């Protein structure tokens, strides 16, 4: 399912790196987001919408996304225990199947299966936001073939774990990266960086996440998109080094040579070749 408009492929054909949240009760902002350079637009019915405006937001999403085409879009619904959940699911069922559903506060495989049955053929993008969800990450990621991604909702997770900063999230972040990989899903996307003016802090945080295995990040303001993209795209030097790996392996295969070493003396193995292909592919869509 990774090639559908639900969020698997960026407009340029590469892996999506920028995911822009926009509240569904602001149709003007939804229109701007759909016209933005974000790889995926996340139309929000949950946290960004006040309880008194939930119905209006749902109606807006239904109207604005009724004929969305060739644009990667996901709708974040209200969680299963919220009074608006059932109506959100019913509204999603009327939208084009290419519109993915972003599912908050997931904790059990049973709820994933139930949602998949209610929305057949539609990509599910799961958000883990509690200690229990983290513990069950792989179980959630493999609960249904419709699961297209899994990620963290770090604001709620910080609250659940009683954390003040990011240090306590390290294990949870790595757990999600490993679960996604083990389940055969794309690398997870980082949670939003909430200080929209601190672009240096955003860039530094993205590099930490990239080092842990994340690929891309959600944004809550269009001004964050360029910083996120730059942080997650490989540099020209990294792409060149990856190309060298692939060229040397190809040359060795042609010559019938088994062992291959780079200029710095590093011997290549299969894992390095796979990583090089990933880097070259990602760098080719910058």
Protein backbone atom coordinates (compact mmCIF):
# COMPACT_ATOMS: atom_id res chain seq x y z
CA UNK A 1 0.00 0.00 0.00
CA UNK A 2 2.99 2.26 0.24
CA UNK A 3 2.36 3.78 -3.16
CA UNK A 4 -1.11 5.12 -2.55
CA UNK A 5 -2.16 8.69 -1.95
CA UNK A 6 -2.81 7.96 1.69
CA UNK A 7 0.74 8.96 2.51
CA UNK A 8 3.26 6.50 1.05
CA UNK A 9 4.75 8.56 -1.76
CA UNK A 10 5.66 12.22 -1.97
CA UNK A 11 4.43 14.34 -4.90
CA UNK A 12 7.85 14.10 -6.55
CA UNK A 13 7.80 10.32 -6.41
CA UNK A 14 10.08 9.76 -3.42
CA UNK A 15 9.46 8.87 0.20
CA UNK A 16 7.35 11.47 2.03
CA UNK A 17 9.29 13.58 4.52
CA UNK A 18 6.97 16.47 5.41
CA UNK A 19 3.53 16.00 6.95
CA UNK A 20 1.50 19.16 7.62
CA UNK A 21 -1.28 19.20 10.20
CA UNK A 22 -4.22 21.53 9.59
CA UNK A 23 -7.42 21.86 11.65
CA UNK A 24 -10.51 20.82 9.73
CA UNK A 25 -12.61 23.59 11.27
CA UNK A 26 -10.55 26.11 9.28
CA UNK A 27 -11.43 25.46 5.62
CA UNK A 28 -9.25 28.35 4.48
CA UNK A 29 -6.22 26.73 6.09
CA UNK A 30 -7.12 23.32 4.71
CA UNK A 31 -7.18 24.78 1.20
CA UNK A 32 -3.78 26.42 1.76
CA UNK A 33 -2.34 23.20 3.14
CA UNK A 34 -3.55 21.24 0.12
CA UNK A 35 -1.76 23.77 -2.09
CA UNK A 36 1.41 23.71 0.03
CA UNK A 37 4.63 21.80 -0.73
CA UNK A 38 3.97 19.37 2.13
CA UNK A 39 4.33 15.77 0.99
CA UNK A 40 1.27 14.75 3.01
CA UNK A 41 -1.54 16.91 4.40
CA UNK A 42 -2.97 15.79 7.76
CA UNK A 43 -6.50 17.13 8.14
CA UNK A 44 -7.22 17.08 11.85
CA UNK A 45 -10.53 16.31 13.54
CA UNK A 46 -8.95 15.62 16.92
CA UNK A 47 -6.65 17.73 19.13
CA UNK A 48 -6.63 20.87 17.00
CA UNK A 49 -10.43 21.14 16.99
CA UNK A 50 -12.48 22.31 19.99
CA UNK A 51 -15.37 20.06 21.09
CA UNK A 52 -17.92 22.69 20.05
CA UNK A 53 -16.59 22.62 16.48
CA UNK A 54 -16.22 18.88 15.90
CA UNK A 55 -19.31 18.56 13.72
CA UNK A 56 -18.35 21.59 11.65
CA UNK A 57 -14.84 20.21 11.20
CA UNK A 58 -16.16 16.83 10.08
CA UNK A 59 -18.48 18.46 7.56
CA UNK A 60 -15.64 20.60 6.22
CA UNK A 61 -13.41 17.56 5.77
CA UNK A 62 -16.15 15.73 3.92
CA UNK A 63 -16.73 18.65 1.59
CA UNK A 64 -13.10 19.63 0.95
CA UNK A 65 -11.82 16.09 0.43
CA UNK A 66 -14.77 14.63 -1.47
CA UNK A 67 -12.96 14.79 -4.80
CA UNK A 68 -9.33 15.07 -3.69
CA UNK A 69 -7.12 13.52 -6.33
CA UNK A 70 -3.39 12.97 -6.71
CA UNK A 71 -2.74 14.55 -3.32
CA UNK A 72 -1.50 12.56 -0.33
CA UNK A 73 -3.99 13.21 2.47
CA UNK A 74 -4.76 11.64 5.82
CA UNK A 75 -7.55 12.53 8.23
CA UNK A 76 -6.85 12.24 11.95
CA UNK A 77 -10.02 11.04 13.61
CA UNK A 78 -10.98 11.27 17.27
CA UNK A 79 -9.90 8.33 19.41
CA UNK A 80 -12.10 5.32 20.01
CA UNK A 81 -13.46 6.48 23.40
CA UNK A 82 -14.39 9.98 22.22
CA UNK A 83 -18.08 10.73 21.54
CA UNK A 84 -17.23 11.84 17.98
CA UNK A 85 -15.36 8.69 16.96
CA UNK A 86 -18.22 6.77 15.35
CA UNK A 87 -19.33 9.76 13.29
CA UNK A 88 -15.74 10.38 12.19
CA UNK A 89 -15.41 6.80 10.98
CA UNK A 90 -18.73 7.01 9.13
CA UNK A 91 -17.63 10.23 7.42
CA UNK A 92 -14.29 8.70 6.41
CA UNK A 93 -16.15 5.86 4.76
CA UNK A 94 -17.70 8.35 2.31
CA UNK A 95 -14.37 9.84 1.21
CA UNK A 96 -12.22 8.55 -1.65
CA UNK A 97 -10.38 5.42 -0.55
CA UNK A 98 -7.05 7.12 -1.23
CA UNK A 99 -7.62 9.31 1.83
CA UNK A 100 -5.81 7.62 4.70
CA UNK A 101 -6.94 7.62 8.32
CA UNK A 102 -4.62 8.72 11.12
CA UNK A 103 -5.61 6.86 14.27
CA UNK A 104 -4.69 8.38 17.65
CA UNK A 105 -4.07 6.71 21.01
CA UNK A 106 -3.99 3.15 19.68
CA UNK A 107 -3.47 0.49 22.34
CA UNK A 108 -4.89 -2.81 21.09
CA UNK A 109 -4.82 -4.93 17.96
CA UNK A 110 -8.55 -5.48 18.34
CA UNK A 111 -9.34 -1.81 17.78
CA UNK A 112 -7.09 -1.78 14.72
CA UNK A 113 -8.90 -4.79 13.28
CA UNK A 114 -12.29 -3.22 14.04
CA UNK A 115 -11.33 -0.01 12.27
CA UNK A 116 -9.94 -1.91 9.30
CA UNK A 117 -13.22 -3.79 9.00
CA UNK A 118 -15.18 -0.53 9.21
CA UNK A 119 -12.99 1.12 6.56
CA UNK A 120 -11.97 -1.70 4.18
CA UNK A 121 -9.12 -1.03 1.81
CA UNK A 122 -8.11 2.21 3.46
CA UNK A 123 -4.62 2.87 4.84
CA UNK A 124 -4.38 3.10 8.63
CA UNK A 125 -1.63 5.26 10.16
CA UNK A 126 -1.38 4.42 13.85
CA UNK A 127 -0.27 6.78 16.60
CA UNK A 128 1.03 5.26 19.82
CA UNK A 129 0.60 7.67 22.72
CA UNK A 130 0.79 5.60 25.90
CA UNK A 131 3.11 3.21 27.71
CA UNK A 132 0.77 0.32 26.90
CA UNK A 133 0.81 1.23 23.22
CA UNK A 134 4.61 1.30 23.18
CA UNK A 135 4.77 -2.12 24.81
CA UNK A 136 2.45 -3.48 22.09
CA UNK A 137 4.06 -1.65 19.17
CA UNK A 138 4.84 -4.69 16.99
CA UNK A 139 1.46 -6.27 17.73
CA UNK A 140 -0.23 -3.07 16.59
CA UNK A 141 1.96 -2.71 13.51
CA UNK A 142 1.01 -6.20 12.34
CA UNK A 143 -2.65 -6.16 13.38
CA UNK A 144 -3.96 -5.66 9.83
CA UNK A 145 -2.60 -5.49 6.28
CA UNK A 146 -4.18 -2.03 6.14
CA UNK A 147 -1.67 -0.67 8.65
CA UNK A 148 0.62 1.53 6.54
CA UNK A 149 2.63 3.24 9.28
CA UNK A 150 3.11 3.52 13.01
CA UNK A 151 4.45 6.47 14.95
CA UNK A 152 4.47 8.20 18.32
CA UNK A 153 2.22 10.90 19.69
CA UNK A 154 4.84 12.31 22.00
CA UNK A 155 2.86 14.97 23.86
CA UNK A 156 0.46 12.41 25.32
CA UNK A 157 3.24 9.88 25.80
CA UNK A 158 5.28 12.39 27.81
CA UNK A 159 2.26 12.95 30.03
CA UNK A 160 1.64 9.23 30.47
CA UNK A 161 5.30 8.59 31.35
CA UNK A 162 5.54 11.77 33.48
CA UNK A 163 8.46 13.12 31.48
CA UNK A 164 9.69 16.71 31.27
CA UNK A 165 12.08 16.45 28.32
CA UNK A 166 13.13 14.19 25.48
CA UNK A 167 15.67 11.97 27.25
CA UNK A 168 13.01 9.64 28.59
CA UNK A 169 11.58 9.14 25.10
CA UNK A 170 14.74 7.54 23.69
CA UNK A 171 13.67 3.95 24.32
CA UNK A 172 10.13 4.53 23.07
CA UNK A 173 11.44 6.14 19.89
CA UNK A 174 13.78 3.25 19.20
CA UNK A 175 11.02 0.77 20.00
CA UNK A 176 8.76 2.29 17.35
CA UNK A 177 11.55 2.32 14.76
CA UNK A 178 12.30 -1.37 15.41
CA UNK A 179 8.61 -2.35 15.40
CA UNK A 180 8.00 -0.59 12.09
CA UNK A 181 11.00 -2.25 10.48
CA UNK A 182 10.13 -5.68 11.85
CA UNK A 183 6.60 -5.30 10.50
CA UNK A 184 7.86 -4.32 7.05
CA UNK A 185 6.51 -0.76 7.29
CA UNK A 186 8.21 2.44 6.21
CA UNK A 187 10.34 4.18 8.88
CA UNK A 188 8.22 6.13 11.35
CA UNK A 189 7.70 9.87 11.17
CA UNK A 190 8.66 12.11 14.11
CA UNK A 191 6.08 13.96 16.16
CA UNK A 192 5.62 17.69 15.68
CA UNK A 193 8.08 20.21 17.14
CA UNK A 194 5.76 22.65 18.87
CA UNK A 195 7.91 25.81 18.91
CA UNK A 196 7.24 27.03 15.38
CA UNK A 197 9.74 29.92 15.67
CA UNK A 198 12.69 27.79 16.79
CA UNK A 199 13.89 26.45 13.45
CA UNK A 200 17.39 25.76 14.75
CA UNK A 201 15.95 23.65 17.55
CA UNK A 202 13.71 21.90 15.03
CA UNK A 203 16.67 21.08 12.79
CA UNK A 204 18.72 19.74 15.70
CA UNK A 205 15.80 17.62 16.91
CA UNK A 206 15.24 16.23 13.41
CA UNK A 207 18.88 15.17 13.19
CA UNK A 208 18.54 13.30 16.47
CA UNK A 209 15.47 11.52 15.12
CA UNK A 210 17.18 10.76 11.83
CA UNK A 211 20.02 9.18 13.76
CA UNK A 212 17.51 6.92 15.52
CA UNK A 213 15.97 5.76 12.24
CA UNK A 214 13.04 8.13 11.74
CA UNK A 215 12.34 9.45 8.26
CA UNK A 216 10.38 12.70 8.06
CA UNK A 217 8.36 14.68 10.56
CA UNK A 218 4.94 16.19 11.12
CA UNK A 219 4.67 19.99 11.11
CA UNK A 220 2.11 22.33 12.61
CA UNK A 221 3.13 25.34 10.52
CA UNK A 222 4.15 25.62 6.84
CA UNK A 223 7.28 27.51 7.92
CA UNK A 224 8.67 24.27 9.37
CA UNK A 225 8.53 22.28 6.13
CA UNK A 226 11.81 23.36 4.53
CA UNK A 227 13.76 22.76 7.74
CA UNK A 228 12.32 19.27 8.13
CA UNK A 229 13.02 18.35 4.53
CA UNK A 230 16.59 19.61 4.66
CA UNK A 231 17.28 17.69 7.88
CA UNK A 232 16.05 14.36 6.57
CA UNK A 233 17.42 14.52 3.04
CA UNK A 234 20.95 13.10 2.69
CA UNK A 235 23.65 15.62 1.84
CA UNK A 236 25.39 15.66 -1.54
CA UNK A 237 28.42 14.07 0.13
CA UNK A 238 26.30 11.28 1.59
CA UNK A 239 24.71 10.56 -1.77
CA UNK A 240 28.12 10.56 -3.47
CA UNK A 241 29.49 8.13 -0.88
CA UNK A 242 26.48 5.86 -1.33
CA UNK A 243 26.90 5.91 -5.10
CA UNK A 244 30.53 4.90 -4.64
CA UNK A 245 29.44 1.91 -2.58
CA UNK A 246 27.03 0.76 -5.29
CA UNK A 247 29.52 1.37 -8.11
CA UNK A 248 32.28 -0.58 -6.38
CA UNK A 249 29.96 -3.49 -5.66
CA UNK A 250 28.78 -3.54 -9.28
CA UNK A 251 32.36 -3.35 -10.54
CA UNK A 252 33.45 -6.18 -8.25
CA UNK A 253 30.58 -8.36 -9.41
CA UNK A 254 31.54 -7.78 -13.05
CA UNK A 255 35.16 -8.62 -12.34
CA UNK A 256 34.25 -11.67 -10.30
CA UNK A 257 35.79 -10.25 -7.14
CA UNK A 258 34.23 -11.28 -3.82
CA UNK A 259 35.71 -8.80 -1.32
CA UNK A 260 35.27 -5.06 -1.91
CA UNK A 261 36.88 -2.20 0.03
CA UNK A 262 36.44 1.56 -0.12
CA UNK A 263 39.28 4.07 -0.34
CA UNK A 264 39.36 4.41 3.45
CA UNK A 265 39.83 0.66 3.89
CA UNK A 266 36.26 -0.13 4.91
CA UNK A 267 35.08 -3.48 3.61
CA UNK A 268 31.55 -3.61 2.25
CA UNK A 269 28.82 -6.01 3.26
CA UNK A 270 25.22 -6.59 2.21
CA UNK A 271 23.84 -4.30 4.91
CA UNK A 272 25.96 -1.39 3.68
CA UNK A 273 24.75 -1.92 0.11
CA UNK A 274 21.11 -1.87 1.19
CA UNK A 275 21.69 1.33 3.14
CA UNK A 276 23.45 2.89 0.14
CA UNK A 277 20.49 2.14 -2.11
CA UNK A 278 18.16 3.80 0.43
CA UNK A 279 20.34 6.92 0.56
CA UNK A 280 20.63 7.24 -3.22
CA UNK A 281 16.88 6.77 -3.67
CA UNK A 282 16.05 9.33 -1.00
CA UNK A 283 18.64 11.80 -2.28
CA UNK A 284 17.30 11.54 -5.80
CA UNK A 285 13.99 13.14 -4.77
CA UNK A 286 15.29 16.15 -2.87
